[in-house]
């Protein structure tokens, strides 16, 4: 976080809440209650937009009026917990046969017929 962001947040920001990743969400006191409130996030650690959970993303982009701290989001039984984008990390998905996963695929099962031109 830059010095300017710290200074702006200190003078004009009102802490609205935080998420399970430690990100903190702010609202500009000067625009509070107006049609176009200014909202922002201060990330805990690396600045990566995919680390913002869906409920806070909706609040930041004004899809919902009240933050998740005021109105608890309804969690559906089929929903999984939010995960940030893991591409490029050690936890990234690598399918069978990927070079970083040994580079060997399982043999074909015999149900595949290659196309052969006449």
PDB file of N, CA and C in Angstrom:
ATOM      1  N   UNK A   1       0.853  -1.170   0.000  1.00  0.00           N
ATOM      2  CA  UNK A   1       0.000   0.000   0.000  1.00  0.00           C
ATOM      3  C   UNK A   1       0.900   1.235   0.000  1.00  0.00           C
ATOM      4  N   UNK A   2       0.574   2.178  -0.854  1.00  0.00           N
ATOM      5  CA  UNK A   2       1.385   3.385  -0.969  1.00  0.00           C
ATOM      6  C   UNK A   2       1.076   4.364   0.171  1.00  0.00           C
ATOM      7  N   UNK A   3       1.959   5.308   0.318  1.00  0.00           N
ATOM      8  CA  UNK A   3       1.797   6.329   1.352  1.00  0.00           C
ATOM      9  C   UNK A   3       0.526   7.141   1.110  1.00  0.00           C
ATOM     10  N   UNK A   4       0.258   7.459  -0.154  1.00  0.00           N
ATOM     11  CA  UNK A   4      -0.926   8.242  -0.495  1.00  0.00           C
ATOM     12  C   UNK A   4      -2.215   7.516  -0.134  1.00  0.00           C
ATOM     13  N   UNK A   5      -2.246   6.221  -0.369  1.00  0.00           N
ATOM     14  CA  UNK A   5      -3.437   5.435  -0.036  1.00  0.00           C
ATOM     15  C   UNK A   5      -3.634   5.387   1.475  1.00  0.00           C
ATOM     16  N   UNK A   6      -2.541   5.223   2.206  1.00  0.00           N
ATOM     17  CA  UNK A   6      -2.633   5.223   3.672  1.00  0.00           C
ATOM     18  C   UNK A   6      -3.172   6.560   4.182  1.00  0.00           C
ATOM     19  N   UNK A   7      -2.644   7.635   3.630  1.00  0.00           N
ATOM     20  CA  UNK A   7      -3.050   8.972   4.057  1.00  0.00           C
ATOM     21  C   UNK A   7      -4.515   9.229   3.709  1.00  0.00           C
ATOM     22  N   UNK A   8      -4.924   8.890   2.485  1.00  0.00           N
ATOM     23  CA  UNK A   8      -6.312   9.084   2.059  1.00  0.00           C
ATOM     24  C   UNK A   8      -7.257   8.266   2.937  1.00  0.00           C
ATOM     25  N   UNK A   9      -6.885   7.015   3.209  1.00  0.00           N
ATOM     26  CA  UNK A   9      -7.735   6.150   4.031  1.00  0.00           C
ATOM     27  C   UNK A   9      -7.843   6.686   5.447  1.00  0.00           C
ATOM     28  N   UNK A  10      -6.753   7.198   5.971  1.00  0.00           N
ATOM     29  CA  UNK A  10      -6.759   7.727   7.345  1.00  0.00           C
ATOM     30  C   UNK A  10      -7.675   8.939   7.477  1.00  0.00           C
ATOM     31  N   UNK A  11      -7.629   9.845   6.480  1.00  0.00           N
ATOM     32  CA  UNK A  11      -8.414  11.071   6.567  1.00  0.00           C
ATOM     33  C   UNK A  11      -9.873  10.891   6.140  1.00  0.00           C
ATOM     34  N   UNK A  12     -10.112  10.108   5.106  1.00  0.00           N
ATOM     35  CA  UNK A  12     -11.454  10.058   4.522  1.00  0.00           C
ATOM     36  C   UNK A  12     -12.147   8.708   4.640  1.00  0.00           C
ATOM     37  N   UNK A  13     -11.431   7.660   5.024  1.00  0.00           N
ATOM     38  CA  UNK A  13     -12.015   6.328   5.035  1.00  0.00           C
ATOM     39  C   UNK A  13     -12.718   5.962   6.330  1.00  0.00           C
ATOM     40  N   UNK A  14     -13.801   5.232   6.162  1.00  0.00           N
ATOM     41  CA  UNK A  14     -14.525   4.671   7.302  1.00  0.00           C
ATOM     42  C   UNK A  14     -14.529   3.161   7.129  1.00  0.00           C
ATOM     43  N   UNK A  15     -13.968   2.439   8.080  1.00  0.00           N
ATOM     44  CA  UNK A  15     -13.899   0.983   7.997  1.00  0.00           C
ATOM     45  C   UNK A  15     -15.305   0.401   8.053  1.00  0.00           C
ATOM     46  N   UNK A  16     -15.632  -0.406   7.048  1.00  0.00           N
ATOM     47  CA  UNK A  16     -16.949  -1.034   6.976  1.00  0.00           C
ATOM     48  C   UNK A  16     -16.879  -2.458   7.489  1.00  0.00           C
ATOM     49  N   UNK A  17     -15.772  -3.150   7.193  1.00  0.00           N
ATOM     50  CA  UNK A  17     -15.630  -4.530   7.640  1.00  0.00           C
ATOM     51  C   UNK A  17     -14.411  -5.180   7.030  1.00  0.00           C
ATOM     52  N   UNK A  18     -14.253  -6.463   7.327  1.00  0.00           N
ATOM     53  CA  UNK A  18     -13.141  -7.233   6.768  1.00  0.00           C
ATOM     54  C   UNK A  18     -13.644  -8.631   6.439  1.00  0.00           C
ATOM     55  N   UNK A  19     -12.864  -9.333   5.621  1.00  0.00           N
ATOM     56  CA  UNK A  19     -13.263 -10.680   5.207  1.00  0.00           C
ATOM     57  C   UNK A  19     -12.353 -11.730   5.838  1.00  0.00           C
ATOM     58  N   UNK A  20     -12.557 -12.997   5.466  1.00  0.00           N
ATOM     59  CA  UNK A  20     -11.793 -14.095   6.046  1.00  0.00           C
ATOM     60  C   UNK A  20     -10.325 -14.079   5.629  1.00  0.00           C
ATOM     61  N   UNK A  21      -9.978 -13.326   4.587  1.00  0.00           N
ATOM     62  CA  UNK A  21      -8.588 -13.239   4.144  1.00  0.00           C
ATOM     63  C   UNK A  21      -7.850 -12.086   4.815  1.00  0.00           C
ATOM     64  N   UNK A  22      -8.539 -11.281   5.600  1.00  0.00           N
ATOM     65  CA  UNK A  22      -7.916 -10.153   6.285  1.00  0.00           C
ATOM     66  C   UNK A  22      -7.968  -8.860   5.491  1.00  0.00           C
ATOM     67  N   UNK A  23      -8.614  -8.862   4.325  1.00  0.00           N
ATOM     68  CA  UNK A  23      -8.789  -7.635   3.553  1.00  0.00           C
ATOM     69  C   UNK A  23      -9.761  -6.724   4.292  1.00  0.00           C
ATOM     70  N   UNK A  24      -9.487  -5.411   4.250  1.00  0.00           N
ATOM     71  CA  UNK A  24     -10.343  -4.436   4.929  1.00  0.00           C
ATOM     72  C   UNK A  24     -11.048  -3.573   3.887  1.00  0.00           C
ATOM     73  N   UNK A  25     -12.314  -3.287   4.122  1.00  0.00           N
ATOM     74  CA  UNK A  25     -13.149  -2.561   3.171  1.00  0.00           C
ATOM     75  C   UNK A  25     -13.552  -1.220   3.762  1.00  0.00           C
ATOM     76  N   UNK A  26     -13.428  -0.182   2.939  1.00  0.00           N
ATOM     77  CA  UNK A  26     -13.657   1.187   3.398  1.00  0.00           C
ATOM     78  C   UNK A  26     -14.692   1.898   2.544  1.00  0.00           C
ATOM     79  N   UNK A  27     -15.274   2.925   3.157  1.00  0.00           N
ATOM     80  CA  UNK A  27     -16.257   3.790   2.520  1.00  0.00           C
ATOM     81  C   UNK A  27     -15.800   5.229   2.758  1.00  0.00           C
ATOM     82  N   UNK A  28     -15.884   6.061   1.727  1.00  0.00           N
ATOM     83  CA  UNK A  28     -15.501   7.467   1.851  1.00  0.00           C
ATOM     84  C   UNK A  28     -16.554   8.201   2.664  1.00  0.00           C
ATOM     85  N   UNK A  29     -16.139   8.809   3.770  1.00  0.00           N
ATOM     86  CA  UNK A  29     -17.071   9.520   4.652  1.00  0.00           C
ATOM     87  C   UNK A  29     -17.757  10.677   3.930  1.00  0.00           C
ATOM     88  N   UNK A  30     -17.045  11.301   2.972  1.00  0.00           N
ATOM     89  CA  UNK A  30     -17.589  12.468   2.278  1.00  0.00           C
ATOM     90  C   UNK A  30     -18.730  12.094   1.328  1.00  0.00           C
ATOM     91  N   UNK A  31     -18.725  10.850   0.830  1.00  0.00           N
ATOM     92  CA  UNK A  31     -19.759  10.440  -0.136  1.00  0.00           C
ATOM     93  C   UNK A  31     -20.755   9.461   0.477  1.00  0.00           C
ATOM     94  N   UNK A  32     -20.681   9.246   1.767  1.00  0.00           N
ATOM     95  CA  UNK A  32     -21.565   8.286   2.432  1.00  0.00           C
ATOM     96  C   UNK A  32     -23.024   8.690   2.263  1.00  0.00           C
ATOM     97  N   UNK A  33     -23.848   7.734   1.829  1.00  0.00           N
ATOM     98  CA  UNK A  33     -25.262   7.983   1.653  1.00  0.00           C
ATOM     99  C   UNK A  33     -25.630   8.585   0.303  1.00  0.00           C
ATOM    100  N   UNK A  34     -24.647   8.990  -0.477  1.00  0.00           N
ATOM    101  CA  UNK A  34     -24.926   9.537  -1.794  1.00  0.00           C
ATOM    102  C   UNK A  34     -25.149   8.409  -2.797  1.00  0.00           C
ATOM    103  N   UNK A  35     -25.605   8.772  -3.981  1.00  0.00           N
ATOM    104  CA  UNK A  35     -25.885   7.764  -5.002  1.00  0.00           C
ATOM    105  C   UNK A  35     -24.625   7.038  -5.432  1.00  0.00           C
ATOM    106  N   UNK A  36     -23.505   7.730  -5.503  1.00  0.00           N
ATOM    107  CA  UNK A  36     -22.258   7.136  -5.976  1.00  0.00           C
ATOM    108  C   UNK A  36     -21.214   7.144  -4.853  1.00  0.00           C
ATOM    109  N   UNK A  37     -21.437   6.308  -3.845  1.00  0.00           N
ATOM    110  CA  UNK A  37     -20.483   6.212  -2.743  1.00  0.00           C
ATOM    111  C   UNK A  37     -19.138   5.698  -3.255  1.00  0.00           C
ATOM    112  N   UNK A  38     -18.072   6.192  -2.669  1.00  0.00           N
ATOM    113  CA  UNK A  38     -16.739   5.713  -3.034  1.00  0.00           C
ATOM    114  C   UNK A  38     -16.357   4.606  -2.061  1.00  0.00           C
ATOM    115  N   UNK A  39     -16.026   3.435  -2.606  1.00  0.00           N
ATOM    116  CA  UNK A  39     -15.688   2.263  -1.790  1.00  0.00           C
ATOM    117  C   UNK A  39     -14.369   1.681  -2.282  1.00  0.00           C
ATOM    118  N   UNK A  40     -13.575   1.135  -1.350  1.00  0.00           N
ATOM    119  CA  UNK A  40     -12.316   0.513  -1.746  1.00  0.00           C
ATOM    120  C   UNK A  40     -11.903  -0.548  -0.753  1.00  0.00           C
ATOM    121  N   UNK A  41     -10.892  -1.309  -1.159  1.00  0.00           N
ATOM    122  CA  UNK A  41     -10.384  -2.411  -0.343  1.00  0.00           C
ATOM    123  C   UNK A  41      -8.893  -2.206  -0.119  1.00  0.00           C
ATOM    124  N   UNK A  42      -8.433  -2.526   1.066  1.00  0.00           N
ATOM    125  CA  UNK A  42      -7.010  -2.574   1.390  1.00  0.00           C
ATOM    126  C   UNK A  42      -6.692  -4.055   1.588  1.00  0.00           C
ATOM    127  N   UNK A  43      -5.875  -4.594   0.706  1.00  0.00           N
ATOM    128  CA  UNK A  43      -5.573  -6.026   0.730  1.00  0.00           C
ATOM    129  C   UNK A  43      -4.626  -6.382   1.864  1.00  0.00           C
ATOM    130  N   UNK A  44      -4.809  -7.557   2.400  1.00  0.00           N
ATOM    131  CA  UNK A  44      -3.903  -8.108   3.397  1.00  0.00           C
ATOM    132  C   UNK A  44      -2.871  -8.930   2.630  1.00  0.00           C
ATOM    133  N   UNK A  45      -1.696  -8.388   2.446  1.00  0.00           N
ATOM    134  CA  UNK A  45      -0.658  -9.094   1.695  1.00  0.00           C
ATOM    135  C   UNK A  45      -0.676  -8.676   0.232  1.00  0.00           C
ATOM    136  N   UNK A  46      -0.510  -9.666  -0.636  1.00  0.00           N
ATOM    137  CA  UNK A  46      -0.404  -9.406  -2.071  1.00  0.00           C
ATOM    138  C   UNK A  46      -1.693  -8.804  -2.627  1.00  0.00           C
ATOM    139  N   UNK A  47      -1.542  -7.797  -3.481  1.00  0.00           N
ATOM    140  CA  UNK A  47      -2.697  -7.167  -4.121  1.00  0.00           C
ATOM    141  C   UNK A  47      -3.142  -8.055  -5.269  1.00  0.00           C
ATOM    142  N   UNK A  48      -4.244  -8.747  -5.077  1.00  0.00           N
ATOM    143  CA  UNK A  48      -4.776  -9.683  -6.072  1.00  0.00           C
ATOM    144  C   UNK A  48      -6.288  -9.616  -5.994  1.00  0.00           C
ATOM    145  N   UNK A  49      -6.915  -9.116  -7.070  1.00  0.00           N
ATOM    146  CA  UNK A  49      -8.363  -8.885  -7.076  1.00  0.00           C
ATOM    147  C   UNK A  49      -9.168 -10.161  -6.850  1.00  0.00           C
ATOM    148  N   UNK A  50      -8.636 -11.320  -7.221  1.00  0.00           N
ATOM    149  CA  UNK A  50      -9.399 -12.559  -7.037  1.00  0.00           C
ATOM    150  C   UNK A  50      -9.481 -12.975  -5.571  1.00  0.00           C
ATOM    151  N   UNK A  51      -8.796 -12.257  -4.692  1.00  0.00           N
ATOM    152  CA  UNK A  51      -8.867 -12.556  -3.262  1.00  0.00           C
ATOM    153  C   UNK A  51     -10.068 -11.897  -2.593  1.00  0.00           C
ATOM    154  N   UNK A  52     -10.861 -11.146  -3.364  1.00  0.00           N
ATOM    155  CA  UNK A  52     -12.075 -10.521  -2.826  1.00  0.00           C
ATOM    156  C   UNK A  52     -13.222 -11.521  -2.962  1.00  0.00           C
ATOM    157  N   UNK A  53     -13.844 -11.927  -1.857  1.00  0.00           N
ATOM    158  CA  UNK A  53     -14.970 -12.871  -1.926  1.00  0.00           C
ATOM    159  C   UNK A  53     -16.170 -12.255  -2.652  1.00  0.00           C
ATOM    160  N   UNK A  54     -17.064 -13.091  -3.189  1.00  0.00           N
ATOM    161  CA  UNK A  54     -18.195 -12.582  -3.978  1.00  0.00           C
ATOM    162  C   UNK A  54     -19.089 -11.589  -3.244  1.00  0.00           C
ATOM    163  N   UNK A  55     -19.347 -11.825  -1.963  1.00  0.00           N
ATOM    164  CA  UNK A  55     -20.235 -10.912  -1.244  1.00  0.00           C
ATOM    165  C   UNK A  55     -19.632  -9.512  -1.133  1.00  0.00           C
ATOM    166  N   UNK A  56     -18.320  -9.426  -0.934  1.00  0.00           N
ATOM    167  CA  UNK A  56     -17.664  -8.121  -0.866  1.00  0.00           C
ATOM    168  C   UNK A  56     -17.494  -7.525  -2.255  1.00  0.00           C
ATOM    169  N   UNK A  57     -17.299  -8.351  -3.257  1.00  0.00           N
ATOM    170  CA  UNK A  57     -17.210  -7.868  -4.635  1.00  0.00           C
ATOM    171  C   UNK A  57     -18.513  -7.168  -5.018  1.00  0.00           C
ATOM    172  N   UNK A  58     -19.635  -7.769  -4.643  1.00  0.00           N
ATOM    173  CA  UNK A  58     -20.930  -7.156  -4.914  1.00  0.00           C
ATOM    174  C   UNK A  58     -21.077  -5.807  -4.240  1.00  0.00           C
ATOM    175  N   UNK A  59     -20.593  -5.681  -3.018  1.00  0.00           N
ATOM    176  CA  UNK A  59     -20.676  -4.407  -2.312  1.00  0.00           C
ATOM    177  C   UNK A  59     -19.751  -3.371  -2.940  1.00  0.00           C
ATOM    178  N   UNK A  60     -18.527  -3.767  -3.283  1.00  0.00           N
ATOM    179  CA  UNK A  60     -17.578  -2.831  -3.888  1.00  0.00           C
ATOM    180  C   UNK A  60     -18.104  -2.263  -5.208  1.00  0.00           C
ATOM    181  N   UNK A  61     -18.785  -3.082  -5.982  1.00  0.00           N
ATOM    182  CA  UNK A  61     -19.267  -2.678  -7.302  1.00  0.00           C
ATOM    183  C   UNK A  61     -20.731  -2.230  -7.276  1.00  0.00           C
ATOM    184  N   UNK A  62     -21.248  -1.976  -6.089  1.00  0.00           N
ATOM    185  CA  UNK A  62     -22.588  -1.436  -5.874  1.00  0.00           C
ATOM    186  C   UNK A  62     -23.706  -2.319  -6.411  1.00  0.00           C
ATOM    187  N   UNK A  63     -23.488  -3.617  -6.455  1.00  0.00           N
ATOM    188  CA  UNK A  63     -24.547  -4.546  -6.828  1.00  0.00           C
ATOM    189  C   UNK A  63     -25.525  -4.690  -5.667  1.00  0.00           C
ATOM    190  N   UNK A  64     -24.985  -4.643  -4.454  1.00  0.00           N
ATOM    191  CA  UNK A  64     -25.806  -4.648  -3.244  1.00  0.00           C
ATOM    192  C   UNK A  64     -25.536  -3.360  -2.471  1.00  0.00           C
ATOM    193  N   UNK A  65     -26.528  -2.884  -1.760  1.00  0.00           N
ATOM    194  CA  UNK A  65     -26.385  -1.616  -1.039  1.00  0.00           C
ATOM    195  C   UNK A  65     -25.676  -1.819   0.285  1.00  0.00           C
ATOM    196  N   UNK A  66     -26.122  -2.803   1.050  1.00  0.00           N
ATOM    197  CA  UNK A  66     -25.581  -3.027   2.392  1.00  0.00           C
ATOM    198  C   UNK A  66     -24.383  -3.975   2.333  1.00  0.00           C
ATOM    199  N   UNK A  67     -23.353  -3.689   3.111  1.00  0.00           N
ATOM    200  CA  UNK A  67     -22.197  -4.594   3.139  1.00  0.00           C
ATOM    201  C   UNK A  67     -22.543  -5.908   3.845  1.00  0.00           C
ATOM    202  N   UNK A  68     -21.750  -6.946   3.617  1.00  0.00           N
ATOM    203  CA  UNK A  68     -22.026  -8.246   4.250  1.00  0.00           C
ATOM    204  C   UNK A  68     -21.983  -8.216   5.771  1.00  0.00           C
ATOM    205  N   UNK A  69     -21.405  -7.178   6.364  1.00  0.00           N
ATOM    206  CA  UNK A  69     -21.384  -7.084   7.819  1.00  0.00           C
ATOM    207  C   UNK A  69     -22.748  -6.684   8.366  1.00  0.00           C
ATOM    208  N   UNK A  70     -23.572  -5.993   7.551  1.00  0.00           N
ATOM    209  CA  UNK A  70     -24.899  -5.557   7.966  1.00  0.00           C
ATOM    210  C   UNK A  70     -25.940  -6.611   7.607  1.00  0.00           C
ATOM    211  N   UNK A  71     -25.914  -7.056   6.354  1.00  0.00           N
ATOM    212  CA  UNK A  71     -26.848  -8.073   5.869  1.00  0.00           C
ATOM    213  C   UNK A  71     -26.033  -9.306   5.506  1.00  0.00           C
ATOM    214  N   UNK A  72     -26.210 -10.368   6.281  1.00  0.00           N
ATOM    215  CA  UNK A  72     -25.433 -11.587   6.036  1.00  0.00           C
ATOM    216  C   UNK A  72     -25.850 -12.205   4.698  1.00  0.00           C
ATOM    217  N   UNK A  73     -24.856 -12.584   3.861  1.00  0.00           N
ATOM    218  CA  UNK A  73     -25.204 -13.197   2.583  1.00  0.00           C
ATOM    219  C   UNK A  73     -25.804 -14.584   2.782  1.00  0.00           C
ATOM    220  N   UNK A  74     -26.763 -14.934   1.929  1.00  0.00           N
ATOM    221  CA  UNK A  74     -27.373 -16.257   2.007  1.00  0.00           C
ATOM    222  C   UNK A  74     -26.468 -17.243   1.283  1.00  0.00           C
ATOM    223  N   UNK A  75     -25.989 -18.232   2.014  1.00  0.00           N
ATOM    224  CA  UNK A  75     -25.110 -19.237   1.441  1.00  0.00           C
ATOM    225  C   UNK A  75     -25.955 -20.426   1.005  1.00  0.00           C
ATOM    226  N   UNK A  76     -25.855 -20.748  -0.270  1.00  0.00           N
ATOM    227  CA  UNK A  76     -26.603 -21.879  -0.818  1.00  0.00           C
ATOM    228  C   UNK A  76     -25.876 -23.177  -0.465  1.00  0.00           C
ATOM    229  N   UNK A  77     -26.595 -24.297  -0.363  1.00  0.00           N
ATOM    230  CA  UNK A  77     -25.947 -25.557   0.016  1.00  0.00           C
ATOM    231  C   UNK A  77     -24.935 -26.053  -1.014  1.00  0.00           C
ATOM    232  N   UNK A  78     -25.067 -25.619  -2.269  1.00  0.00           N
ATOM    233  CA  UNK A  78     -24.159 -26.076  -3.312  1.00  0.00           C
ATOM    234  C   UNK A  78     -22.913 -25.200  -3.448  1.00  0.00           C
ATOM    235  N   UNK A  79     -22.861 -24.080  -2.725  1.00  0.00           N
ATOM    236  CA  UNK A  79     -21.730 -23.170  -2.841  1.00  0.00           C
ATOM    237  C   UNK A  79     -20.502 -23.705  -2.109  1.00  0.00           C
ATOM    238  N   UNK A  80     -19.348 -23.540  -2.745  1.00  0.00           N
ATOM    239  CA  UNK A  80     -18.073 -23.896  -2.129  1.00  0.00           C
ATOM    240  C   UNK A  80     -17.455 -22.641  -1.528  1.00  0.00           C
ATOM    241  N   UNK A  81     -16.531 -22.795  -0.581  1.00  0.00           N
ATOM    242  CA  UNK A  81     -15.858 -21.610  -0.036  1.00  0.00           C
ATOM    243  C   UNK A  81     -15.040 -20.921  -1.126  1.00  0.00           C
ATOM    244  N   UNK A  82     -14.944 -19.597  -1.026  1.00  0.00           N
ATOM    245  CA  UNK A  82     -14.217 -18.821  -2.018  1.00  0.00           C
ATOM    246  C   UNK A  82     -12.721 -19.104  -1.936  1.00  0.00           C
ATOM    247  N   UNK A  83     -12.107 -19.302  -3.089  1.00  0.00           N
ATOM    248  CA  UNK A  83     -10.660 -19.456  -3.192  1.00  0.00           C
ATOM    249  C   UNK A  83     -10.126 -18.418  -4.152  1.00  0.00           C
ATOM    250  N   UNK A  84      -9.003 -17.792  -3.831  1.00  0.00           N
ATOM    251  CA  UNK A  84      -8.415 -16.864  -4.795  1.00  0.00           C
ATOM    252  C   UNK A  84      -7.856 -17.631  -5.993  1.00  0.00           C
ATOM    253  N   UNK A  85      -7.524 -16.916  -7.055  1.00  0.00           N
ATOM    254  CA  UNK A  85      -6.949 -17.525  -8.243  1.00  0.00           C
ATOM    255  C   UNK A  85      -5.592 -18.136  -7.878  1.00  0.00           C
ATOM    256  N   UNK A  86      -5.435 -19.433  -8.090  1.00  0.00           N
ATOM    257  CA  UNK A  86      -4.214 -20.130  -7.694  1.00  0.00           C
ATOM    258  C   UNK A  86      -3.253 -20.351  -8.860  1.00  0.00           C
ATOM    259  N   UNK A  87      -3.557 -19.791 -10.037  1.00  0.00           N
ATOM    260  CA  UNK A  87      -2.689 -19.950 -11.197  1.00  0.00           C
ATOM    261  C   UNK A  87      -1.295 -19.436 -10.879  1.00  0.00           C
ATOM    262  N   UNK A  88      -0.293 -20.227 -11.209  1.00  0.00           N
ATOM    263  CA  UNK A  88       1.089 -19.837 -10.970  1.00  0.00           C
ATOM    264  C   UNK A  88       1.592 -20.179  -9.589  1.00  0.00           C
ATOM    265  N   UNK A  89       0.752 -20.713  -8.736  1.00  0.00           N
ATOM    266  CA  UNK A  89       1.179 -21.085  -7.393  1.00  0.00           C
ATOM    267  C   UNK A  89       1.355 -22.601  -7.311  1.00  0.00           C
ATOM    268  N   UNK A  90       1.868 -23.072  -6.204  1.00  0.00           N
ATOM    269  CA  UNK A  90       2.064 -24.508  -6.015  1.00  0.00           C
ATOM    270  C   UNK A  90       0.740 -25.255  -5.891  1.00  0.00           C
ATOM    271  N   UNK A  91      -0.335 -24.545  -5.507  1.00  0.00           N
ATOM    272  CA  UNK A  91      -1.645 -25.178  -5.349  1.00  0.00           C
ATOM    273  C   UNK A  91      -2.477 -25.147  -6.633  1.00  0.00           C
ATOM    274  N   UNK A  92      -1.920 -24.669  -7.736  1.00  0.00           N
ATOM    275  CA  UNK A  92      -2.664 -24.567  -8.995  1.00  0.00           C
ATOM    276  C   UNK A  92      -3.053 -25.953  -9.500  1.00  0.00           C
ATOM    277  N   UNK A  93      -4.185 -26.016 -10.217  1.00  0.00           N
ATOM    278  CA  UNK A  93      -4.648 -27.289 -10.770  1.00  0.00           C
ATOM    279  C   UNK A  93      -3.742 -27.692 -11.919  1.00  0.00           C
ATOM    280  N   UNK A  94      -3.323 -28.924 -11.896  1.00  0.00           N
ATOM    281  CA  UNK A  94      -2.523 -29.492 -12.980  1.00  0.00           C
ATOM    282  C   UNK A  94      -3.144 -30.830 -13.352  1.00  0.00           C
ATOM    283  N   UNK A  95      -3.631 -30.956 -14.580  1.00  0.00           N
ATOM    284  CA  UNK A  95      -4.297 -32.197 -14.980  1.00  0.00           C
ATOM    285  C   UNK A  95      -3.298 -33.342 -15.093  1.00  0.00           C
ATOM    286  N   UNK A  96      -3.792 -34.574 -15.119  1.00  0.00           N
ATOM    287  CA  UNK A  96      -2.891 -35.709 -15.302  1.00  0.00           C
ATOM    288  C   UNK A  96      -2.118 -35.548 -16.608  1.00  0.00           C
ATOM    289  N   UNK A  97      -0.830 -35.823 -16.573  1.00  0.00           N
ATOM    290  CA  UNK A  97       0.010 -35.697 -17.750  1.00  0.00           C
ATOM    291  C   UNK A  97       0.723 -34.360 -17.843  1.00  0.00           C
ATOM    292  N   UNK A  98       0.449 -33.444 -16.935  1.00  0.00           N
ATOM    293  CA  UNK A  98       1.116 -32.147 -16.943  1.00  0.00           C
ATOM    294  C   UNK A  98       2.595 -32.358 -16.659  1.00  0.00           C
ATOM    295  N   UNK A  99       3.466 -31.557 -17.280  1.00  0.00           N
ATOM    296  CA  UNK A  99       4.908 -31.725 -17.094  1.00  0.00           C
ATOM    297  C   UNK A  99       5.335 -31.530 -15.650  1.00  0.00           C
ATOM    298  N   UNK A 100       4.653 -30.683 -14.909  1.00  0.00           N
ATOM    299  CA  UNK A 100       5.001 -30.478 -13.501  1.00  0.00           C
ATOM    300  C   UNK A 100       4.395 -31.531 -12.583  1.00  0.00           C
ATOM    301  N   UNK A 101       3.654 -32.464 -13.172  1.00  0.00           N
ATOM    302  CA  UNK A 101       3.048 -33.536 -12.392  1.00  0.00           C
ATOM    303  C   UNK A 101       3.564 -34.896 -12.859  1.00  0.00           C
ATOM    304  N   UNK A 102       4.756 -34.926 -13.397  1.00  0.00           N
ATOM    305  CA  UNK A 102       5.354 -36.180 -13.832  1.00  0.00           C
ATOM    306  C   UNK A 102       5.378 -36.349 -15.334  1.00  0.00           C
ATOM    307  N   UNK A 103       4.477 -35.701 -16.040  1.00  0.00           N
ATOM    308  CA  UNK A 103       4.472 -35.736 -17.486  1.00  0.00           C
ATOM    309  C   UNK A 103       3.988 -37.036 -18.103  1.00  0.00           C
ATOM    310  N   UNK A 104       3.357 -37.910 -17.341  1.00  0.00           N
ATOM    311  CA  UNK A 104       2.877 -39.194 -17.888  1.00  0.00           C
ATOM    312  C   UNK A 104       1.352 -39.250 -17.767  1.00  0.00           C
ATOM    313  N   UNK A 105       0.727 -39.597 -18.881  1.00  0.00           N
ATOM    314  CA  UNK A 105      -0.720 -39.762 -18.886  1.00  0.00           C
ATOM    315  C   UNK A 105      -1.053 -41.240 -18.826  1.00  0.00           C
ATOM    316  N   UNK A 106      -2.270 -41.525 -18.420  1.00  0.00           N
ATOM    317  CA  UNK A 106      -2.747 -42.907 -18.422  1.00  0.00           C
ATOM    318  C   UNK A 106      -2.938 -43.355 -19.869  1.00  0.00           C
ATOM    319  N   UNK A 107      -2.735 -44.616 -20.129  1.00  0.00           N
ATOM    320  CA  UNK A 107      -2.923 -45.163 -21.466  1.00  0.00           C
ATOM    321  C   UNK A 107      -4.389 -45.039 -21.875  1.00  0.00           C
ATOM    322  N   UNK A 108      -4.609 -45.003 -23.181  1.00  0.00           N
ATOM    323  CA  UNK A 108      -5.968 -44.970 -23.709  1.00  0.00           C
ATOM    324  C   UNK A 108      -6.701 -46.255 -23.343  1.00  0.00           C
ATOM    325  N   UNK A 109      -8.008 -46.155 -23.191  1.00  0.00           N
ATOM    326  CA  UNK A 109      -8.781 -47.318 -22.733  1.00  0.00           C
ATOM    327  C   UNK A 109      -9.331 -48.154 -23.872  1.00  0.00           C
ATOM    328  N   UNK A 110      -9.070 -47.791 -25.115  1.00  0.00           N
ATOM    329  CA  UNK A 110      -9.560 -48.570 -26.226  1.00  0.00           C
ATOM    330  C   UNK A 110     -10.867 -48.077 -26.794  1.00  0.00           C
ATOM    331  N   UNK A 111     -11.462 -47.040 -26.193  1.00  0.00           N
ATOM    332  CA  UNK A 111     -12.722 -46.534 -26.721  1.00  0.00           C
ATOM    333  C   UNK A 111     -12.504 -45.387 -27.700  1.00  0.00           C
ATOM    334  N   UNK A 112     -11.257 -45.133 -28.047  1.00  0.00           N
ATOM    335  CA  UNK A 112     -10.929 -44.039 -28.955  1.00  0.00           C
ATOM    336  C   UNK A 112     -10.507 -44.599 -30.306  1.00  0.00           C
ATOM    337  N   UNK A 113     -11.110 -44.089 -31.373  1.00  0.00           N
ATOM    338  CA  UNK A 113     -10.716 -44.478 -32.716  1.00  0.00           C
ATOM    339  C   UNK A 113     -10.232 -43.238 -33.435  1.00  0.00           C
ATOM    340  N   UNK A 114      -8.961 -43.176 -33.817  1.00  0.00           N
ATOM    341  CA  UNK A 114      -8.466 -42.005 -34.513  1.00  0.00           C
ATOM    342  C   UNK A 114      -9.047 -41.911 -35.925  1.00  0.00           C
ATOM    343  N   UNK A 115      -9.175 -40.706 -36.417  1.00  0.00           N
ATOM    344  CA  UNK A 115      -9.660 -40.494 -37.774  1.00  0.00           C
ATOM    345  C   UNK A 115      -8.535 -40.825 -38.746  1.00  0.00           C
ATOM    346  N   UNK A 116      -8.830 -41.577 -39.737  1.00  0.00           N
ATOM    347  CA  UNK A 116      -7.842 -41.941 -40.762  1.00  0.00           C
ATOM    348  C   UNK A 116      -8.396 -41.487 -42.104  1.00  0.00           C
ATOM    349  N   UNK A 117      -7.664 -40.617 -42.816  1.00  0.00           N
ATOM    350  CA  UNK A 117      -8.173 -40.141 -44.108  1.00  0.00           C
ATOM    351  C   UNK A 117      -8.192 -41.264 -45.121  1.00  0.00           C
ATOM    352  N   UNK A 118      -9.105 -41.227 -46.087  1.00  0.00           N
ATOM    353  CA  UNK A 118      -9.201 -42.255 -47.123  1.00  0.00           C
ATOM    354  C   UNK A 118      -8.061 -42.169 -48.109  1.00  0.00           C
TER     355      UNK A 118
END
